[in-house]
Amino acid sequence: MRPRRAFEVAPKMRPLPARRTSVVGVLDIGTSKIVCLIARLKPRDASDMLRRRTHTVEILGIGHTRAHGMKGGAVVDMDRAEQAIRHAVDAAERMAGMQIASVVVSIAGGRLASEHYVAEVDLPEPAVAEGDIRRVLDAASTFAVGDGRAVMHALPVGYKIDAVSGISEPRGMLGRQLGVDLHVVTGDVSAVRNLLLCIERCHLGVEAMVAAPYAAALSTLTDDEAELGVTLIDLGAGTTTVSVVANGHFVHVDGIAVGGQHITNDVARGLSTRVADAERLKVLHGGVTAIGSDEREMLTVPSISDDERDLPQAMPKSKLVRIIRPRVEEIVELVRDRLVASGHAADAGRRIVLTGGASQLTGLAEIVGQILGPQVRIGRPLGISRLPEAARGAPFAVAAGLLVYPQVAGLEHFEAGRRRAGDAGADGYFSRVGHWLREAF
């Protein structure tokens, strides 16, 4: 038998007590912005229960700041990223009137990828018991992920009893064999470790690390969409991530290192202006669909230099659209090709949900509809109370989803004894990260 290879597991949290009120802090660390939310999670009444939502979410504090030291969803400058995180957390703590010791963190970089593992075990008794489910999940957990990869999530997609598949709850059912399909999400160990290290330098513990597309799906998708099949595309600044949810389960994730910042860079090059001015033009006037008046509407484009003799230029809005559209089409076509190559295009259905800051570009839904499917909508956080108006849009979908995640953390399975990412076995930050991870479990 081939020896099993040890692999690292990103921090995972214990299931949220169903009848207990808890205060949770979350941290969405993106390429362009960092968001910290502090919320109180209160148990719901049985009559008010949403699917897999056991608690109501009430925002107590919010802080967000421009991200520094991040590129493509990964840390590239530890000191600058640390300072940005501290600013966001401090603002949220001041608004909430309390301090937090640990957070649930999102990760969008690290080349997120999916794999599925199938296992079967014989049943000693005719009826499926809790121990049988643990045995088959442990059997599926004998997977050996690639070198340099850390396991982010291990989610049972469905069970099989003898020849009957697609079973969501096998307990008490009769059969001779029990099987499971386990969806495993992995990311680069280096990206996970460096993000853990950066947060630990802010004197914060990490309750759990969540793949950003999974978090976005938790906060924006309706129950019917999740059952019938839907593709969620999160268009961030440095990355575009894709998740597929079908039959109520998160079945696929992927990502590409192209996002809204690349559109901004194209505008800066095409109009010969500074990146900050290109971002402003993109946000205020950018779009992907030209209309007749765009040729007549003139925009003022500041010069790229500080020389007072270089006067701002005036150019039609249509030129801005002609720069933005090709990059947007490239991103959407890359998403389409990755979905087809994954084999999950059929699971994705015909429904598309868009989140992330770049999803706000005028006309984006129409372009996505032409390339991927006709039913497209912008996803916004659902079921979050006291969320400020400015934070109710698509750019805050991941942060809101991190508040939903503690309610579904118990769905995941990890075999005991796996090494946690960040526990490098040496003195220094990695060793201390491993110390508080061991204390948490």
Protein backbone atom coordinates (compact mmCIF):
# COMPACT_ATOMS: atom_id res chain seq x y z
CA MET A 1 0.00 0.00 0.00
CA ARG A 2 1.32 3.46 -0.87
CA PRO A 3 2.16 5.45 2.28
CA ARG A 4 -0.10 8.35 3.07
CA ARG A 5 1.45 11.77 2.71
CA ALA A 6 0.90 14.28 5.48
CA PHE A 7 -0.67 17.54 4.44
CA GLU A 8 -1.44 20.83 6.12
CA VAL A 9 -4.88 22.07 7.05
CA ALA A 10 -5.83 25.75 7.28
CA PRO A 11 -7.32 26.76 10.65
CA LYS A 12 -10.83 25.39 11.21
CA MET A 13 -13.30 26.44 13.87
CA ARG A 14 -15.58 24.43 16.08
CA PRO A 15 -19.32 24.45 15.23
CA LEU A 16 -21.23 27.40 16.65
CA PRO A 17 -23.42 26.35 19.63
CA ALA A 18 -26.99 26.29 18.34
CA ARG A 19 -28.54 27.85 21.46
CA ARG A 20 -25.83 30.30 22.44
CA THR A 21 -25.29 33.93 21.49
CA SER A 22 -21.77 34.63 20.27
CA VAL A 23 -19.77 37.66 19.19
CA VAL A 24 -17.72 37.01 16.04
CA GLY A 25 -15.05 39.09 14.33
CA VAL A 26 -14.26 38.58 10.65
CA LEU A 27 -11.59 39.93 8.34
CA ASP A 28 -11.89 40.09 4.55
CA ILE A 29 -8.40 40.78 3.21
CA GLY A 30 -8.49 41.62 -0.47
CA THR A 31 -6.14 43.20 -2.96
CA SER A 32 -7.81 46.63 -2.89
CA LYS A 33 -9.59 46.78 0.49
CA ILE A 34 -9.59 45.23 3.92
CA VAL A 35 -12.89 44.89 5.79
CA CYS A 36 -13.36 44.01 9.45
CA LEU A 37 -16.84 43.25 10.81
CA ILE A 38 -17.83 42.55 14.40
CA ALA A 39 -21.26 41.02 14.85
CA ARG A 40 -23.49 39.37 17.41
CA LEU A 41 -24.92 36.01 16.32
CA LYS A 42 -28.18 35.17 18.11
CA PRO A 43 -30.03 31.83 17.89
CA ARG A 44 -33.07 31.94 15.60
CA ASP A 45 -36.54 30.75 16.48
CA ALA A 46 -37.40 27.43 14.86
CA SER A 47 -40.23 29.11 12.93
CA ASP A 48 -37.78 31.67 11.56
CA MET A 49 -35.10 29.22 10.47
CA LEU A 50 -33.43 29.78 7.12
CA ARG A 51 -31.76 26.82 5.50
CA ARG A 52 -28.49 26.21 7.36
CA ARG A 53 -28.82 29.56 9.12
CA THR A 54 -29.16 28.87 12.82
CA HIS A 55 -28.45 32.43 13.98
CA THR A 56 -29.41 35.99 13.14
CA VAL A 57 -26.51 38.33 12.39
CA GLU A 58 -26.47 41.80 13.91
CA ILE A 59 -23.58 44.09 12.98
CA LEU A 60 -21.93 45.84 15.93
CA GLY A 61 -18.91 47.40 14.26
CA ILE A 62 -17.43 47.83 10.82
CA GLY A 63 -14.07 49.08 9.64
CA HIS A 64 -12.62 49.14 6.16
CA THR A 65 -9.54 50.65 4.66
CA ARG A 66 -7.53 50.58 1.47
CA ALA A 67 -5.37 47.46 1.28
CA HIS A 68 -1.60 47.79 1.18
CA GLY A 69 1.02 45.10 0.80
CA MET A 70 -1.35 42.77 -1.07
CA LYS A 71 -1.21 41.54 -4.67
CA GLY A 72 -3.42 38.93 -6.28
CA GLY A 73 -5.00 38.17 -2.91
CA ALA A 74 -1.63 37.30 -1.31
CA VAL A 75 0.70 39.16 1.04
CA VAL A 76 3.67 40.76 -0.75
CA ASP A 77 4.70 43.34 1.88
CA MET A 78 4.24 42.11 5.45
CA ASP A 79 4.71 45.46 7.21
CA ARG A 80 2.31 47.43 5.01
CA ALA A 81 -0.32 44.67 5.08
CA GLU A 82 -0.06 44.50 8.89
CA GLN A 83 -0.64 48.24 9.25
CA ALA A 84 -3.67 48.15 6.96
CA ILE A 85 -5.19 45.25 8.92
CA ARG A 86 -4.60 47.09 12.20
CA HIS A 87 -6.43 50.19 10.88
CA ALA A 88 -9.48 48.18 9.77
CA VAL A 89 -9.69 46.21 13.02
CA ASP A 90 -9.22 49.33 15.15
CA ALA A 91 -12.07 51.13 13.34
CA ALA A 92 -14.42 48.16 13.84
CA GLU A 93 -13.50 47.82 17.52
CA ARG A 94 -14.10 51.52 18.14
CA MET A 95 -17.54 51.36 16.54
CA ALA A 96 -18.48 48.17 18.43
CA GLY A 97 -17.09 49.43 21.73
CA MET A 98 -15.20 46.19 22.32
CA GLN A 99 -11.99 44.40 21.43
CA ILE A 100 -11.70 41.09 19.59
CA ALA A 101 -9.07 38.44 20.19
CA SER A 102 -9.57 36.33 17.06
CA VAL A 103 -11.13 36.51 13.62
CA VAL A 104 -12.51 34.40 10.79
CA VAL A 105 -10.41 35.26 7.72
CA SER A 106 -11.02 35.02 3.98
CA ILE A 107 -8.41 34.10 1.40
CA ALA A 108 -8.81 34.76 -2.34
CA GLY A 109 -5.24 34.17 -3.50
CA GLY A 110 -3.12 31.08 -3.31
CA ARG A 111 -4.44 29.48 -6.52
CA LEU A 112 -7.58 27.98 -4.99
CA ALA A 113 -8.54 24.65 -6.55
CA SER A 114 -11.00 21.77 -6.08
CA GLU A 115 -10.67 18.01 -5.97
CA HIS A 116 -13.24 15.30 -5.29
CA TYR A 117 -12.50 12.08 -3.39
CA VAL A 118 -14.81 9.07 -3.16
CA ALA A 119 -14.69 6.32 -0.52
CA GLU A 120 -16.86 3.37 0.54
CA VAL A 121 -17.00 1.26 3.71
CA ASP A 122 -18.92 -1.90 4.62
CA LEU A 123 -21.65 -1.52 7.20
CA PRO A 124 -21.35 -3.89 10.20
CA GLU A 125 -25.04 -3.38 10.98
CA PRO A 126 -27.92 -2.88 8.52
CA ALA A 127 -28.70 0.66 9.71
CA VAL A 128 -26.22 3.51 9.18
CA ALA A 129 -24.92 4.82 12.52
CA GLU A 130 -22.93 7.93 13.43
CA GLY A 131 -19.76 5.85 13.66
CA ASP A 132 -20.24 4.58 10.10
CA ILE A 133 -20.40 8.15 8.80
CA ARG A 134 -17.21 9.02 10.63
CA ARG A 135 -15.49 5.93 9.20
CA VAL A 136 -16.40 6.70 5.60
CA LEU A 137 -15.38 10.36 5.99
CA ASP A 138 -12.06 9.28 7.48
CA ALA A 139 -11.61 6.88 4.57
CA ALA A 140 -12.22 9.71 2.11
CA SER A 141 -9.73 11.83 4.05
CA THR A 142 -6.85 9.59 2.99
CA PHE A 143 -6.39 11.88 -0.01
CA ALA A 144 -2.87 13.10 -0.74
CA VAL A 145 -2.93 16.67 -1.99
CA GLY A 146 -0.04 18.03 -4.01
CA ASP A 147 3.17 19.24 -2.41
CA GLY A 148 2.96 22.83 -1.25
CA ARG A 149 -0.84 22.75 -0.94
CA ALA A 150 -2.95 23.27 2.19
CA VAL A 151 -6.51 22.00 2.66
CA MET A 152 -8.98 24.86 3.06
CA HIS A 153 -12.25 22.92 3.17
CA ALA A 154 -13.36 19.28 3.16
CA LEU A 155 -17.10 19.19 2.49
CA PRO A 156 -19.25 16.07 2.01
CA VAL A 157 -21.24 16.63 -1.19
CA GLY A 158 -23.42 13.50 -1.00
CA TYR A 159 -23.63 9.97 0.31
CA LYS A 160 -24.32 6.66 -1.39
CA ILE A 161 -25.91 3.54 0.07
CA ASP A 162 -25.33 0.49 -2.11
CA ALA A 163 -26.48 1.59 -5.58
CA VAL A 164 -28.49 4.63 -4.43
CA SER A 165 -26.58 7.91 -4.68
CA GLY A 166 -27.44 11.54 -3.96
CA ILE A 167 -28.35 10.90 -0.30
CA SER A 168 -27.93 13.96 1.90
CA GLU A 169 -28.63 12.37 5.30
CA PRO A 170 -27.82 8.64 5.56
CA ARG A 171 -28.30 8.20 9.32
CA GLY A 172 -30.71 5.35 10.08
CA MET A 173 -30.99 4.19 6.47
CA LEU A 174 -30.50 0.50 5.62
CA GLY A 175 -27.83 -0.98 3.38
CA ARG A 176 -24.64 -2.98 3.08
CA GLN A 177 -22.19 -0.29 1.93
CA LEU A 178 -21.90 3.43 2.64
CA GLY A 179 -20.06 5.78 0.29
CA VAL A 180 -19.30 9.50 0.27
CA ASP A 181 -18.21 12.15 -2.23
CA LEU A 182 -15.88 14.62 -0.48
CA HIS A 183 -15.14 18.01 -2.03
CA VAL A 184 -11.69 19.26 -0.99
CA VAL A 185 -10.60 22.88 -1.56
CA THR A 186 -6.87 23.56 -1.46
CA GLY A 187 -4.60 26.60 -1.66
CA ASP A 188 -0.87 27.31 -1.72
CA VAL A 189 0.72 26.68 1.67
CA SER A 190 2.96 29.76 1.32
CA ALA A 191 -0.03 32.07 0.79
CA VAL A 192 -1.85 30.56 3.79
CA ARG A 193 1.19 30.75 6.06
CA ASN A 194 2.04 34.33 5.19
CA LEU A 195 -1.52 35.50 5.73
CA LEU A 196 -1.61 33.71 9.10
CA LEU A 197 1.70 35.30 10.04
CA CYS A 198 0.52 38.78 9.08
CA ILE A 199 -2.63 38.47 11.22
CA GLU A 200 -0.70 37.01 14.14
CA ARG A 201 1.60 40.05 14.04
CA CYS A 202 -1.53 42.11 14.70
CA HIS A 203 -1.97 40.09 17.93
CA LEU A 204 -5.07 38.35 16.61
CA GLY A 205 -5.85 34.66 16.58
CA VAL A 206 -7.42 32.97 13.55
CA GLU A 207 -10.59 31.01 14.26
CA ALA A 208 -10.89 29.79 10.68
CA MET A 209 -9.65 30.51 7.19
CA VAL A 210 -12.35 30.48 4.51
CA ALA A 211 -12.02 30.48 0.71
CA ALA A 212 -13.43 33.82 -0.47
CA PRO A 213 -15.73 32.34 -3.16
CA TYR A 214 -17.27 29.99 -0.57
CA ALA A 215 -17.91 32.93 1.77
CA ALA A 216 -19.49 34.98 -1.04
CA ALA A 217 -21.80 32.08 -1.91
CA LEU A 218 -22.91 31.72 1.72
CA SER A 219 -24.02 35.35 1.93
CA THR A 220 -25.60 35.99 -1.49
CA LEU A 221 -27.28 32.83 -2.81
CA THR A 222 -30.91 32.02 -2.19
CA ASP A 223 -31.98 28.50 -1.23
CA ASP A 224 -33.58 27.87 -4.64
CA GLU A 225 -30.47 29.00 -6.51
CA ALA A 226 -28.29 26.69 -4.43
CA GLU A 227 -30.59 23.73 -5.11
CA LEU A 228 -31.08 24.26 -8.84
CA GLY A 229 -27.46 25.08 -9.65
CA VAL A 230 -25.71 28.43 -9.86
CA THR A 231 -22.30 29.89 -10.71
CA LEU A 232 -21.01 32.69 -8.50
CA ILE A 233 -18.28 34.91 -9.95
CA ASP A 234 -16.48 37.18 -7.49
CA LEU A 235 -14.66 39.90 -9.43
CA GLY A 236 -12.11 41.31 -7.02
CA ALA A 237 -9.31 43.75 -7.67
CA GLY A 238 -6.49 41.22 -8.04
CA THR A 239 -8.34 37.94 -8.58
CA THR A 240 -11.54 36.61 -10.09
CA THR A 241 -12.82 33.54 -8.28
CA VAL A 242 -15.56 31.14 -9.34
CA SER A 243 -17.70 28.83 -7.24
CA VAL A 244 -20.36 26.36 -8.33
CA VAL A 245 -23.20 25.38 -6.00
CA ALA A 246 -25.59 22.57 -6.97
CA ASN A 247 -28.13 20.51 -5.04
CA GLY A 248 -27.46 22.72 -2.04
CA HIS A 249 -23.73 21.87 -1.95
CA PHE A 250 -20.55 23.78 -2.73
CA VAL A 251 -19.08 21.53 -5.45
CA HIS A 252 -16.36 23.49 -7.25
CA VAL A 253 -14.03 26.47 -6.84
CA ASP A 254 -11.44 28.01 -9.12
CA GLY A 255 -9.69 31.32 -9.57
CA ILE A 256 -7.66 33.37 -12.02
CA ALA A 257 -5.16 36.09 -11.16
CA VAL A 258 -6.93 38.77 -13.20
CA GLY A 259 -9.37 41.29 -11.78
CA GLY A 260 -10.49 44.89 -11.54
CA GLN A 261 -6.98 46.22 -10.94
CA HIS A 262 -5.94 44.92 -14.35
CA ILE A 263 -8.80 46.90 -15.89
CA THR A 264 -7.56 50.00 -14.06
CA ASN A 265 -4.02 49.42 -15.32
CA ASP A 266 -5.32 49.12 -18.89
CA VAL A 267 -7.12 52.45 -18.50
CA ALA A 268 -3.98 54.09 -17.07
CA ARG A 269 -1.90 52.88 -20.01
CA GLY A 270 -4.51 53.60 -22.66
CA LEU A 271 -5.22 57.14 -21.46
CA SER A 272 -1.65 57.87 -20.27
CA THR A 273 -2.74 58.89 -16.78
CA ARG A 274 -1.92 57.95 -13.22
CA VAL A 275 -3.34 54.75 -11.76
CA ALA A 276 -5.32 56.65 -9.10
CA ASP A 277 -6.92 58.84 -11.78
CA ALA A 278 -7.60 55.77 -13.94
CA GLU A 279 -9.41 54.13 -11.01
CA ARG A 280 -11.54 57.22 -10.51
CA LEU A 281 -12.45 57.35 -14.21
CA LYS A 282 -13.30 53.64 -14.20
CA VAL A 283 -15.52 53.89 -11.12
CA LEU A 284 -17.33 57.11 -12.09
CA HIS A 285 -17.61 56.71 -15.86
CA GLY A 286 -16.52 53.18 -16.77
CA GLY A 287 -18.70 50.65 -18.53
CA VAL A 288 -18.56 47.84 -21.04
CA THR A 289 -21.45 48.80 -23.31
CA ALA A 290 -21.26 51.91 -25.47
CA ILE A 291 -24.29 54.10 -26.17
CA GLY A 292 -24.75 56.84 -28.75
CA SER A 293 -24.05 59.72 -26.40
CA ASP A 294 -20.66 58.32 -25.39
CA GLU A 295 -19.03 59.86 -28.47
CA ARG A 296 -20.31 63.30 -27.45
CA GLU A 297 -19.70 63.04 -23.69
CA MET A 298 -16.19 64.32 -22.97
CA LEU A 299 -14.05 63.28 -19.99
CA THR A 300 -11.17 65.20 -18.46
CA VAL A 301 -8.10 63.00 -18.14
CA PRO A 302 -5.34 64.34 -15.84
CA SER A 303 -1.75 64.17 -17.07
CA ILE A 304 0.51 61.41 -15.82
CA SER A 305 3.23 63.91 -14.88
CA ASP A 306 3.33 66.64 -12.22
CA ASP A 307 4.55 69.24 -14.71
CA GLU A 308 2.09 72.15 -14.71
CA ARG A 309 2.71 72.59 -18.44
CA ASP A 310 1.17 69.17 -19.14
CA LEU A 311 -2.50 70.14 -19.24
CA PRO A 312 -5.35 67.64 -18.75
CA GLN A 313 -6.70 66.09 -21.94
CA ALA A 314 -10.32 65.87 -23.04
CA MET A 315 -11.44 62.66 -24.73
CA PRO A 316 -14.78 60.99 -25.45
CA LYS A 317 -16.23 58.51 -22.98
CA SER A 318 -16.43 55.96 -25.78
CA LYS A 319 -12.63 55.63 -25.69
CA LEU A 320 -12.82 54.58 -22.04
CA VAL A 321 -15.41 51.93 -22.90
CA ARG A 322 -13.24 50.62 -25.75
CA ILE A 323 -10.35 50.12 -23.30
CA ILE A 324 -12.41 48.41 -20.59
CA ARG A 325 -14.51 46.03 -22.70
CA PRO A 326 -11.72 43.78 -24.10
CA ARG A 327 -10.30 43.07 -20.65
CA VAL A 328 -13.76 42.29 -19.24
CA GLU A 329 -14.47 39.93 -22.15
CA GLU A 330 -11.11 38.23 -21.54
CA ILE A 331 -11.93 37.65 -17.85
CA VAL A 332 -15.39 36.23 -18.57
CA GLU A 333 -14.07 33.99 -21.37
CA LEU A 334 -11.34 32.67 -19.05
CA VAL A 335 -14.02 31.85 -16.48
CA ARG A 336 -16.07 30.06 -19.14
CA ASP A 337 -13.09 28.02 -20.32
CA ARG A 338 -12.14 27.02 -16.77
CA LEU A 339 -15.70 25.95 -16.02
CA VAL A 340 -15.86 23.79 -19.15
CA ALA A 341 -12.46 22.22 -18.40
CA SER A 342 -13.52 21.43 -14.82
CA GLY A 343 -16.48 19.30 -15.92
CA HIS A 344 -18.83 21.26 -13.63
CA ALA A 345 -20.43 23.41 -16.33
CA ALA A 346 -23.56 21.23 -16.21
CA ASP A 347 -23.82 21.56 -12.41
CA ALA A 348 -23.56 25.33 -12.71
CA GLY A 349 -26.97 25.64 -14.33
CA ARG A 350 -27.92 28.74 -16.28
CA ARG A 351 -27.94 31.12 -13.34
CA ILE A 352 -25.00 33.50 -12.79
CA VAL A 353 -24.50 35.67 -9.69
CA LEU A 354 -21.85 38.42 -9.73
CA THR A 355 -20.14 39.84 -6.64
CA GLY A 356 -17.02 41.88 -5.93
CA GLY A 357 -16.15 45.49 -6.60
CA ALA A 358 -15.63 45.07 -10.36
CA SER A 359 -19.15 43.63 -10.73
CA GLN A 360 -20.49 47.19 -10.46
CA LEU A 361 -19.23 48.15 -13.92
CA THR A 362 -22.13 49.38 -16.03
CA GLY A 363 -23.23 46.76 -18.57
CA LEU A 364 -21.18 43.92 -17.06
CA ALA A 365 -24.24 41.71 -16.50
CA GLU A 366 -25.13 41.97 -20.20
CA ILE A 367 -21.64 40.87 -21.29
CA VAL A 368 -21.66 37.96 -18.85
CA GLY A 369 -25.11 36.99 -20.13
CA GLN A 370 -23.90 36.90 -23.71
CA ILE A 371 -20.89 34.70 -22.90
CA LEU A 372 -22.06 32.47 -20.04
CA GLY A 373 -25.83 32.44 -19.75
CA PRO A 374 -28.91 34.65 -19.88
CA GLN A 375 -29.86 34.74 -16.19
CA VAL A 376 -27.45 37.12 -14.45
CA ARG A 377 -27.87 39.18 -11.31
CA ILE A 378 -25.66 41.17 -8.94
CA GLY A 379 -25.31 39.37 -5.60
CA ARG A 380 -25.70 41.31 -2.36
CA PRO A 381 -25.51 40.13 1.26
CA LEU A 382 -28.77 38.55 2.46
CA GLY A 383 -30.11 38.29 5.99
CA ILE A 384 -27.62 40.64 7.70
CA SER A 385 -29.22 43.26 9.97
CA ARG A 386 -27.83 46.70 10.83
CA LEU A 387 -25.42 46.58 7.90
CA PRO A 388 -24.61 50.16 6.86
CA GLU A 389 -25.99 51.24 3.50
CA ALA A 390 -22.50 51.59 2.06
CA ALA A 391 -21.75 47.94 2.93
CA ARG A 392 -24.87 46.36 1.47
CA GLY A 393 -23.51 45.96 -2.04
CA ALA A 394 -21.59 43.32 -3.93
CA PRO A 395 -18.11 44.45 -2.72
CA PHE A 396 -19.00 43.31 0.83
CA ALA A 397 -20.38 39.86 -0.08
CA VAL A 398 -17.30 37.99 1.16
CA ALA A 399 -17.13 39.86 4.48
CA ALA A 400 -20.83 39.15 5.12
CA GLY A 401 -20.36 35.49 4.18
CA LEU A 402 -17.66 35.14 6.84
CA LEU A 403 -20.38 35.90 9.40
CA VAL A 404 -22.53 33.10 8.00
CA TYR A 405 -19.65 30.62 7.93
CA PRO A 406 -19.61 29.84 11.70
CA GLN A 407 -23.16 28.51 11.29
CA VAL A 408 -22.06 25.92 8.71
CA ALA A 409 -18.55 25.16 9.98
CA GLY A 410 -19.82 21.88 11.43
CA LEU A 411 -20.46 20.53 7.93
CA GLU A 412 -16.74 20.13 7.30
CA HIS A 413 -14.68 17.07 8.11
CA PHE A 414 -11.02 16.82 9.00
CA GLU A 415 -9.34 13.71 10.27
CA ALA A 416 -7.79 14.19 13.70
CA GLY A 417 -4.04 14.65 13.88
CA ARG A 418 -3.52 16.58 10.64
CA ARG A 419 -0.79 19.18 10.78
CA ARG A 420 -2.08 22.76 10.79
CA ALA A 421 -0.71 25.24 8.25
CA GLY A 422 1.66 27.68 9.91
CA ASP A 423 3.04 25.18 12.42
CA ALA A 424 6.55 25.07 11.03
CA GLY A 425 8.13 23.50 14.10
CA ALA A 426 10.68 26.31 14.47
CA ASP A 427 11.06 29.29 16.78
CA GLY A 428 9.52 32.59 15.73
CA TYR A 429 6.16 33.65 14.37
CA PHE A 430 5.27 30.33 12.72
CA SER A 431 5.87 28.48 15.98
CA ARG A 432 3.66 30.90 17.91
CA VAL A 433 0.95 30.64 15.26
CA GLY A 434 1.04 26.88 15.72
CA HIS A 435 0.89 27.30 19.49
CA TRP A 436 -2.38 29.22 19.54
CA LEU A 437 -3.83 26.97 16.87
CA ARG A 438 -3.16 23.98 19.11
CA GLU A 439 -4.75 25.81 22.02
CA ALA A 440 -7.86 26.50 19.93
CA PHE A 441 -8.34 22.81 19.21
